[in-house]
N, C-alpha and C. Protein backbone atom coordinates (compact mmCIF):
# COMPACT_ATOMS: atom_id res chain seq x y z
N MET A 1 66.48 -9.16 36.37
CA MET A 1 65.94 -8.19 35.46
C MET A 1 65.90 -8.75 34.04
N TRP A 2 67.00 -9.40 33.67
CA TRP A 2 67.06 -9.97 32.33
C TRP A 2 65.94 -10.99 32.12
N LEU A 3 65.61 -11.77 33.13
CA LEU A 3 64.59 -12.79 33.03
C LEU A 3 63.21 -12.15 32.79
N TRP A 4 62.91 -11.06 33.52
CA TRP A 4 61.63 -10.41 33.35
C TRP A 4 61.48 -9.77 31.97
N SER A 5 62.49 -9.19 31.47
CA SER A 5 62.38 -8.59 30.13
C SER A 5 62.20 -9.67 29.08
N SER A 6 62.82 -10.84 29.28
CA SER A 6 62.62 -11.95 28.34
C SER A 6 61.19 -12.47 28.41
N ILE A 7 60.68 -12.61 29.63
CA ILE A 7 59.29 -13.09 29.81
C ILE A 7 58.32 -12.10 29.19
N ILE A 8 58.53 -10.82 29.43
CA ILE A 8 57.66 -9.80 28.85
C ILE A 8 57.74 -9.82 27.34
N ALA A 9 58.91 -9.99 26.78
CA ALA A 9 59.07 -10.04 25.32
C ALA A 9 58.35 -11.24 24.74
N VAL A 10 58.49 -12.40 25.40
CA VAL A 10 57.82 -13.62 24.91
C VAL A 10 56.31 -13.46 25.02
N LEU A 11 55.83 -12.97 26.18
CA LEU A 11 54.40 -12.75 26.35
C LEU A 11 53.86 -11.74 25.34
N GLY A 12 54.60 -10.67 25.10
CA GLY A 12 54.18 -9.67 24.13
C GLY A 12 54.08 -10.25 22.73
N THR A 13 55.05 -11.05 22.37
CA THR A 13 55.04 -11.71 21.05
C THR A 13 53.86 -12.66 20.94
N TRP A 14 53.66 -13.44 22.00
CA TRP A 14 52.56 -14.41 22.00
C TRP A 14 51.21 -13.70 21.93
N LEU A 15 51.02 -12.67 22.77
CA LEU A 15 49.77 -11.93 22.76
C LEU A 15 49.54 -11.20 21.43
N GLY A 16 50.59 -10.67 20.85
CA GLY A 16 50.48 -10.03 19.54
C GLY A 16 50.06 -11.01 18.47
N GLY A 17 50.65 -12.21 18.51
CA GLY A 17 50.26 -13.25 17.54
C GLY A 17 48.83 -13.70 17.74
N ALA A 18 48.43 -13.85 19.02
CA ALA A 18 47.06 -14.27 19.31
C ALA A 18 46.07 -13.21 18.85
N LEU A 19 46.38 -11.95 19.12
CA LEU A 19 45.50 -10.86 18.70
C LEU A 19 45.41 -10.80 17.17
N THR A 20 46.53 -10.96 16.51
CA THR A 20 46.53 -10.96 15.04
C THR A 20 45.68 -12.11 14.51
N GLY A 21 45.83 -13.29 15.11
CA GLY A 21 45.03 -14.45 14.70
C GLY A 21 43.55 -14.21 14.90
N LEU A 22 43.17 -13.67 16.06
CA LEU A 22 41.76 -13.39 16.33
C LEU A 22 41.20 -12.35 15.36
N LEU A 23 41.97 -11.32 15.07
CA LEU A 23 41.52 -10.31 14.11
C LEU A 23 41.36 -10.90 12.71
N GLN A 24 42.26 -11.81 12.36
CA GLN A 24 42.18 -12.45 11.05
C GLN A 24 40.93 -13.33 10.97
N ILE A 25 40.67 -14.09 12.02
CA ILE A 25 39.48 -14.94 12.05
C ILE A 25 38.22 -14.08 11.95
N ARG A 26 38.19 -13.00 12.70
CA ARG A 26 37.03 -12.11 12.66
C ARG A 26 36.86 -11.49 11.27
N GLY A 27 37.94 -11.08 10.67
CA GLY A 27 37.88 -10.51 9.32
C GLY A 27 37.37 -11.52 8.30
N GLU A 28 37.84 -12.76 8.42
CA GLU A 28 37.37 -13.81 7.49
C GLU A 28 35.89 -14.09 7.69
N ARG A 29 35.44 -14.11 8.95
CA ARG A 29 34.02 -14.33 9.24
C ARG A 29 33.18 -13.20 8.66
N ASN A 30 33.64 -11.98 8.84
CA ASN A 30 32.92 -10.83 8.28
C ASN A 30 32.88 -10.90 6.76
N ALA A 31 33.98 -11.32 6.15
CA ALA A 31 34.02 -11.45 4.69
C ALA A 31 33.05 -12.53 4.22
N ARG A 32 33.00 -13.66 4.93
CA ARG A 32 32.06 -14.73 4.58
C ARG A 32 30.62 -14.25 4.73
N ASN A 33 30.32 -13.54 5.81
CA ASN A 33 28.97 -13.03 6.02
C ASN A 33 28.58 -12.02 4.94
N ALA A 34 29.52 -11.17 4.56
CA ALA A 34 29.25 -10.20 3.50
C ALA A 34 29.02 -10.90 2.17
N ALA A 35 29.82 -11.93 1.89
CA ALA A 35 29.65 -12.68 0.64
C ALA A 35 28.30 -13.39 0.63
N ARG A 36 27.92 -13.95 1.77
CA ARG A 36 26.63 -14.64 1.88
C ARG A 36 25.49 -13.64 1.67
N ALA A 37 25.59 -12.47 2.26
CA ALA A 37 24.56 -11.44 2.08
C ALA A 37 24.49 -10.99 0.62
N ASP A 38 25.64 -10.87 -0.03
CA ASP A 38 25.66 -10.48 -1.45
C ASP A 38 25.00 -11.55 -2.31
N ARG A 39 25.29 -12.82 -2.02
CA ARG A 39 24.67 -13.92 -2.79
C ARG A 39 23.15 -13.93 -2.59
N ARG A 40 22.72 -13.70 -1.36
CA ARG A 40 21.28 -13.68 -1.05
C ARG A 40 20.60 -12.51 -1.76
N ALA A 41 21.24 -11.35 -1.72
CA ALA A 41 20.67 -10.18 -2.39
C ALA A 41 20.59 -10.41 -3.90
N GLU A 42 21.60 -11.01 -4.47
CA GLU A 42 21.59 -11.29 -5.91
C GLU A 42 20.50 -12.31 -6.25
N ALA A 43 20.37 -13.35 -5.42
CA ALA A 43 19.31 -14.34 -5.64
C ALA A 43 17.93 -13.68 -5.56
N LEU A 44 17.78 -12.76 -4.62
CA LEU A 44 16.50 -12.05 -4.50
C LEU A 44 16.24 -11.18 -5.72
N ARG A 45 17.27 -10.47 -6.20
CA ARG A 45 17.10 -9.64 -7.41
C ARG A 45 16.69 -10.50 -8.60
N VAL A 46 17.33 -11.65 -8.76
CA VAL A 46 17.01 -12.55 -9.88
C VAL A 46 15.58 -13.07 -9.74
N ALA A 47 15.22 -13.52 -8.52
CA ALA A 47 13.88 -14.06 -8.30
C ALA A 47 12.81 -12.98 -8.53
N LEU A 48 13.08 -11.77 -8.08
CA LEU A 48 12.13 -10.67 -8.31
C LEU A 48 11.96 -10.39 -9.80
N ALA A 49 13.07 -10.34 -10.51
CA ALA A 49 12.99 -10.09 -11.96
C ALA A 49 12.20 -11.20 -12.65
N GLU A 50 12.47 -12.44 -12.27
CA GLU A 50 11.74 -13.57 -12.86
C GLU A 50 10.26 -13.52 -12.50
N LEU A 51 9.97 -13.15 -11.25
CA LEU A 51 8.57 -13.09 -10.83
C LEU A 51 7.81 -12.00 -11.57
N VAL A 52 8.38 -10.82 -11.64
CA VAL A 52 7.70 -9.71 -12.32
C VAL A 52 7.50 -10.05 -13.80
N ALA A 53 8.49 -10.66 -14.42
CA ALA A 53 8.35 -11.06 -15.83
C ALA A 53 7.27 -12.13 -15.99
N ALA A 54 7.28 -13.11 -15.08
CA ALA A 54 6.28 -14.19 -15.15
C ALA A 54 4.87 -13.64 -14.91
N LEU A 55 4.75 -12.71 -13.98
CA LEU A 55 3.43 -12.10 -13.75
C LEU A 55 2.95 -11.34 -14.98
N GLY A 56 3.86 -10.62 -15.62
CA GLY A 56 3.50 -9.91 -16.85
C GLY A 56 3.10 -10.86 -17.96
N ASP A 57 3.85 -11.94 -18.12
CA ASP A 57 3.52 -12.93 -19.15
C ASP A 57 2.16 -13.56 -18.88
N HIS A 58 1.92 -13.89 -17.62
CA HIS A 58 0.63 -14.52 -17.28
C HIS A 58 -0.52 -13.53 -17.44
N ARG A 59 -0.28 -12.28 -17.07
CA ARG A 59 -1.32 -11.26 -17.22
C ARG A 59 -1.70 -11.12 -18.70
N ARG A 60 -0.69 -11.09 -19.58
CA ARG A 60 -0.98 -10.98 -21.01
C ARG A 60 -1.71 -12.23 -21.53
N ALA A 61 -1.27 -13.40 -21.07
CA ALA A 61 -1.91 -14.64 -21.51
C ALA A 61 -3.37 -14.70 -21.04
N MET A 62 -3.60 -14.28 -19.80
CA MET A 62 -4.96 -14.29 -19.28
C MET A 62 -5.83 -13.25 -19.98
N TRP A 63 -5.25 -12.09 -20.26
CA TRP A 63 -6.00 -11.06 -20.99
C TRP A 63 -6.43 -11.61 -22.34
N HIS A 64 -5.53 -12.23 -23.06
CA HIS A 64 -5.83 -12.80 -24.38
C HIS A 64 -6.89 -13.90 -24.25
N ARG A 65 -6.69 -14.78 -23.31
CA ARG A 65 -7.63 -15.89 -23.10
C ARG A 65 -9.03 -15.38 -22.78
N GLU A 66 -9.12 -14.42 -21.88
CA GLU A 66 -10.44 -13.91 -21.48
C GLU A 66 -11.08 -13.08 -22.59
N GLU A 67 -10.27 -12.37 -23.36
CA GLU A 67 -10.82 -11.64 -24.50
C GLU A 67 -11.39 -12.60 -25.52
N LEU A 68 -10.68 -13.69 -25.78
CA LEU A 68 -11.21 -14.71 -26.69
C LEU A 68 -12.54 -15.27 -26.18
N ARG A 69 -12.59 -15.57 -24.89
CA ARG A 69 -13.81 -16.12 -24.30
C ARG A 69 -14.96 -15.13 -24.41
N LEU A 70 -14.69 -13.87 -24.08
CA LEU A 70 -15.75 -12.84 -24.14
C LEU A 70 -16.20 -12.58 -25.57
N ASN A 71 -15.31 -12.78 -26.54
CA ASN A 71 -15.67 -12.59 -27.95
C ASN A 71 -16.31 -13.83 -28.56
N GLY A 72 -16.46 -14.90 -27.78
CA GLY A 72 -17.11 -16.11 -28.28
C GLY A 72 -16.25 -16.93 -29.22
N ALA A 73 -14.97 -16.96 -29.00
CA ALA A 73 -14.07 -17.74 -29.86
C ALA A 73 -14.40 -19.23 -29.78
N GLY A 74 -13.98 -19.95 -30.80
CA GLY A 74 -14.23 -21.38 -30.87
C GLY A 74 -13.47 -22.16 -29.80
N GLN A 75 -13.94 -23.38 -29.56
CA GLN A 75 -13.38 -24.23 -28.50
C GLN A 75 -11.90 -24.52 -28.72
N GLU A 76 -11.51 -24.76 -29.95
CA GLU A 76 -10.10 -25.08 -30.24
C GLU A 76 -9.18 -23.90 -29.92
N VAL A 77 -9.61 -22.70 -30.28
CA VAL A 77 -8.82 -21.49 -29.99
C VAL A 77 -8.76 -21.26 -28.49
N LEU A 78 -9.89 -21.46 -27.81
CA LEU A 78 -9.91 -21.29 -26.36
C LEU A 78 -9.01 -22.30 -25.67
N GLU A 79 -8.99 -23.52 -26.15
CA GLU A 79 -8.14 -24.56 -25.54
C GLU A 79 -6.66 -24.21 -25.71
N ALA A 80 -6.29 -23.67 -26.85
CA ALA A 80 -4.90 -23.26 -27.06
C ALA A 80 -4.54 -22.11 -26.12
N ALA A 81 -5.45 -21.16 -25.97
CA ALA A 81 -5.20 -20.04 -25.07
C ALA A 81 -5.14 -20.52 -23.62
N ARG A 82 -5.97 -21.47 -23.27
CA ARG A 82 -5.97 -22.02 -21.91
C ARG A 82 -4.66 -22.75 -21.64
N ALA A 83 -4.19 -23.51 -22.60
CA ALA A 83 -2.91 -24.23 -22.43
C ALA A 83 -1.77 -23.23 -22.24
N ASN A 84 -1.79 -22.16 -23.01
CA ASN A 84 -0.76 -21.12 -22.86
C ASN A 84 -0.84 -20.46 -21.49
N SER A 85 -2.05 -20.15 -21.03
CA SER A 85 -2.18 -19.51 -19.71
C SER A 85 -1.78 -20.46 -18.58
N HIS A 86 -2.00 -21.75 -18.76
CA HIS A 86 -1.55 -22.70 -17.75
C HIS A 86 -0.03 -22.73 -17.68
N ALA A 87 0.62 -22.65 -18.82
CA ALA A 87 2.09 -22.63 -18.83
C ALA A 87 2.62 -21.36 -18.18
N THR A 88 2.00 -20.23 -18.48
CA THR A 88 2.50 -18.98 -17.89
C THR A 88 2.19 -18.94 -16.39
N ARG A 89 1.10 -19.53 -15.96
CA ARG A 89 0.81 -19.58 -14.52
C ARG A 89 1.83 -20.45 -13.81
N SER A 90 2.19 -21.56 -14.40
CA SER A 90 3.20 -22.44 -13.79
C SER A 90 4.53 -21.72 -13.64
N ALA A 91 4.83 -20.83 -14.58
CA ALA A 91 6.11 -20.10 -14.53
C ALA A 91 6.15 -19.11 -13.37
N VAL A 92 5.00 -18.81 -12.78
CA VAL A 92 4.94 -17.88 -11.65
C VAL A 92 5.39 -18.56 -10.35
N THR A 93 5.15 -19.85 -10.22
CA THR A 93 5.32 -20.57 -8.96
C THR A 93 6.72 -20.49 -8.39
N SER A 94 7.72 -20.86 -9.17
CA SER A 94 9.09 -20.93 -8.65
C SER A 94 9.61 -19.57 -8.17
N PRO A 95 9.53 -18.52 -8.98
CA PRO A 95 10.03 -17.24 -8.46
C PRO A 95 9.18 -16.69 -7.32
N LEU A 96 7.89 -17.01 -7.29
CA LEU A 96 7.04 -16.57 -6.18
C LEU A 96 7.52 -17.19 -4.87
N VAL A 97 7.80 -18.47 -4.90
CA VAL A 97 8.31 -19.15 -3.70
C VAL A 97 9.68 -18.60 -3.33
N ALA A 98 10.55 -18.40 -4.31
CA ALA A 98 11.90 -17.90 -4.03
C ALA A 98 11.84 -16.52 -3.37
N VAL A 99 11.04 -15.62 -3.91
CA VAL A 99 10.93 -14.27 -3.34
C VAL A 99 10.39 -14.36 -1.91
N SER A 100 9.38 -15.19 -1.71
CA SER A 100 8.76 -15.32 -0.40
C SER A 100 9.71 -15.88 0.65
N VAL A 101 10.59 -16.76 0.23
CA VAL A 101 11.55 -17.38 1.16
C VAL A 101 12.75 -16.46 1.40
N LEU A 102 13.21 -15.81 0.35
CA LEU A 102 14.41 -14.97 0.47
C LEU A 102 14.15 -13.69 1.25
N GLU A 103 12.95 -13.14 1.14
CA GLU A 103 12.65 -11.88 1.85
C GLU A 103 11.22 -11.95 2.37
N LEU A 104 11.09 -12.27 3.63
CA LEU A 104 9.78 -12.45 4.25
C LEU A 104 8.88 -11.21 4.09
N ALA A 105 9.48 -10.03 4.10
CA ALA A 105 8.70 -8.80 3.96
C ALA A 105 8.03 -8.71 2.58
N LEU A 106 8.50 -9.48 1.61
CA LEU A 106 7.92 -9.44 0.27
C LEU A 106 6.94 -10.58 0.01
N ALA A 107 6.81 -11.49 0.96
CA ALA A 107 5.94 -12.65 0.75
C ALA A 107 4.50 -12.23 0.46
N GLU A 108 3.95 -11.34 1.28
CA GLU A 108 2.55 -10.94 1.09
C GLU A 108 2.36 -10.08 -0.16
N PRO A 109 3.20 -9.06 -0.41
CA PRO A 109 3.02 -8.32 -1.67
C PRO A 109 3.18 -9.21 -2.91
N ALA A 110 4.06 -10.18 -2.86
CA ALA A 110 4.24 -11.09 -3.99
C ALA A 110 3.00 -11.96 -4.16
N ARG A 111 2.47 -12.47 -3.07
CA ARG A 111 1.27 -13.30 -3.13
C ARG A 111 0.08 -12.49 -3.65
N GLN A 112 -0.05 -11.25 -3.19
CA GLN A 112 -1.15 -10.40 -3.65
C GLN A 112 -1.03 -10.09 -5.14
N ALA A 113 0.19 -9.87 -5.61
CA ALA A 113 0.41 -9.61 -7.04
C ALA A 113 0.01 -10.83 -7.87
N ALA A 114 0.40 -12.01 -7.39
CA ALA A 114 0.05 -13.24 -8.11
C ALA A 114 -1.47 -13.44 -8.11
N LEU A 115 -2.10 -13.27 -6.96
CA LEU A 115 -3.55 -13.45 -6.89
C LEU A 115 -4.29 -12.46 -7.78
N ALA A 116 -3.79 -11.23 -7.86
CA ALA A 116 -4.43 -10.23 -8.72
C ALA A 116 -4.36 -10.64 -10.19
N VAL A 117 -3.23 -11.20 -10.58
CA VAL A 117 -3.10 -11.67 -11.97
C VAL A 117 -4.00 -12.88 -12.20
N PHE A 118 -4.03 -13.81 -11.23
CA PHE A 118 -4.87 -14.99 -11.38
C PHE A 118 -6.35 -14.60 -11.45
N ASP A 119 -6.70 -13.47 -10.87
CA ASP A 119 -8.09 -13.02 -10.81
C ASP A 119 -8.62 -12.53 -12.16
N LEU A 120 -7.81 -12.45 -13.17
CA LEU A 120 -8.30 -12.05 -14.49
C LEU A 120 -9.26 -13.10 -15.05
N ARG A 121 -9.21 -14.28 -14.51
CA ARG A 121 -10.04 -15.38 -14.99
C ARG A 121 -11.52 -15.11 -14.74
N ASP A 122 -12.33 -15.46 -15.72
CA ASP A 122 -13.80 -15.42 -15.64
C ASP A 122 -14.37 -14.04 -15.38
N ALA A 123 -13.79 -13.02 -15.98
CA ALA A 123 -14.35 -11.66 -15.86
C ALA A 123 -15.71 -11.64 -16.56
N ALA A 124 -16.64 -10.90 -15.99
CA ALA A 124 -18.01 -10.87 -16.53
C ALA A 124 -18.09 -10.19 -17.89
N ASP A 125 -17.28 -9.15 -18.09
CA ASP A 125 -17.31 -8.41 -19.36
C ASP A 125 -15.97 -7.71 -19.55
N ARG A 126 -15.85 -6.98 -20.66
CA ARG A 126 -14.58 -6.31 -20.97
C ARG A 126 -14.21 -5.25 -19.92
N ALA A 127 -15.20 -4.55 -19.40
CA ALA A 127 -14.93 -3.52 -18.39
C ALA A 127 -14.38 -4.17 -17.12
N ALA A 128 -14.95 -5.28 -16.71
CA ALA A 128 -14.46 -5.99 -15.53
C ALA A 128 -13.06 -6.54 -15.78
N LEU A 129 -12.84 -7.03 -17.00
CA LEU A 129 -11.52 -7.55 -17.36
C LEU A 129 -10.49 -6.43 -17.31
N ALA A 130 -10.83 -5.27 -17.86
CA ALA A 130 -9.90 -4.14 -17.85
C ALA A 130 -9.62 -3.67 -16.42
N ALA A 131 -10.64 -3.67 -15.57
CA ALA A 131 -10.45 -3.26 -14.17
C ALA A 131 -9.56 -4.25 -13.44
N ARG A 132 -9.76 -5.54 -13.70
CA ARG A 132 -8.92 -6.56 -13.06
C ARG A 132 -7.48 -6.46 -13.56
N ARG A 133 -7.32 -6.15 -14.83
CA ARG A 133 -5.97 -5.98 -15.38
C ARG A 133 -5.27 -4.81 -14.70
N GLU A 134 -5.97 -3.69 -14.56
CA GLU A 134 -5.38 -2.53 -13.88
C GLU A 134 -5.03 -2.86 -12.43
N SER A 135 -5.88 -3.63 -11.78
CA SER A 135 -5.61 -4.05 -10.41
C SER A 135 -4.37 -4.94 -10.35
N ALA A 136 -4.21 -5.81 -11.32
CA ALA A 136 -3.04 -6.70 -11.37
C ALA A 136 -1.76 -5.90 -11.61
N ILE A 137 -1.85 -4.91 -12.48
CA ILE A 137 -0.69 -4.05 -12.74
C ILE A 137 -0.33 -3.28 -11.47
N ALA A 138 -1.33 -2.75 -10.79
CA ALA A 138 -1.09 -1.99 -9.55
C ALA A 138 -0.48 -2.89 -8.48
N ALA A 139 -0.94 -4.12 -8.37
CA ALA A 139 -0.39 -5.05 -7.38
C ALA A 139 1.07 -5.38 -7.69
N THR A 140 1.39 -5.53 -8.96
CA THR A 140 2.78 -5.78 -9.35
C THR A 140 3.63 -4.55 -9.07
N ASP A 141 3.10 -3.37 -9.36
CA ASP A 141 3.82 -2.13 -9.03
C ASP A 141 4.06 -2.02 -7.53
N HIS A 142 3.07 -2.42 -6.73
CA HIS A 142 3.22 -2.40 -5.27
C HIS A 142 4.33 -3.36 -4.85
N LEU A 143 4.39 -4.52 -5.45
CA LEU A 143 5.45 -5.48 -5.16
C LEU A 143 6.81 -4.87 -5.47
N VAL A 144 6.94 -4.26 -6.61
CA VAL A 144 8.22 -3.65 -7.00
C VAL A 144 8.62 -2.54 -6.03
N ALA A 145 7.64 -1.73 -5.62
CA ALA A 145 7.93 -0.67 -4.64
C ALA A 145 8.35 -1.25 -3.30
N ALA A 146 7.67 -2.31 -2.86
CA ALA A 146 8.02 -2.95 -1.60
C ALA A 146 9.41 -3.58 -1.69
N ALA A 147 9.75 -4.13 -2.85
CA ALA A 147 11.08 -4.70 -3.04
C ALA A 147 12.14 -3.63 -2.95
N GLY A 148 11.86 -2.48 -3.55
CA GLY A 148 12.80 -1.37 -3.47
C GLY A 148 13.07 -0.94 -2.04
N ARG A 149 12.00 -0.90 -1.24
CA ARG A 149 12.17 -0.53 0.18
C ARG A 149 12.92 -1.61 0.94
N ALA A 150 12.60 -2.86 0.67
CA ALA A 150 13.22 -3.97 1.40
C ALA A 150 14.70 -4.12 1.06
N MET A 151 15.07 -3.77 -0.15
CA MET A 151 16.45 -3.96 -0.59
C MET A 151 17.32 -2.71 -0.41
N ALA A 152 16.70 -1.63 0.05
CA ALA A 152 17.44 -0.38 0.23
C ALA A 152 18.41 -0.45 1.40
């Protein structure tokens, strides 16, 4: 009898230790996964903020550039505006890629928002330019709404 109670006590201790170890490993894995998800969500928030800001900057630069062109501004002024719009367009690339990679559901709305802003180029007249600007704003608003749904 004494032998069986000792065996049961040793087995109970061993099984308790094993269970505790397994629970600890599982808890650590869950903590790592939660931390990874938090880092990904934060990276997505940052990329979205950068993208929306870059789209706004590029939209303003393109509006200015196209208004100058439609008003018949001189070549030197147009070249300066073109250089500025090229810089603001380049600033769109990195956050656009980041958003598209971090959240696949946002890849298409982000691409559509960028294309709508890029479409401000070569508007036929002020009315077309204003319509394209409104379309670009709406596409960016759609991106923000889609981001809200994806991150909820």
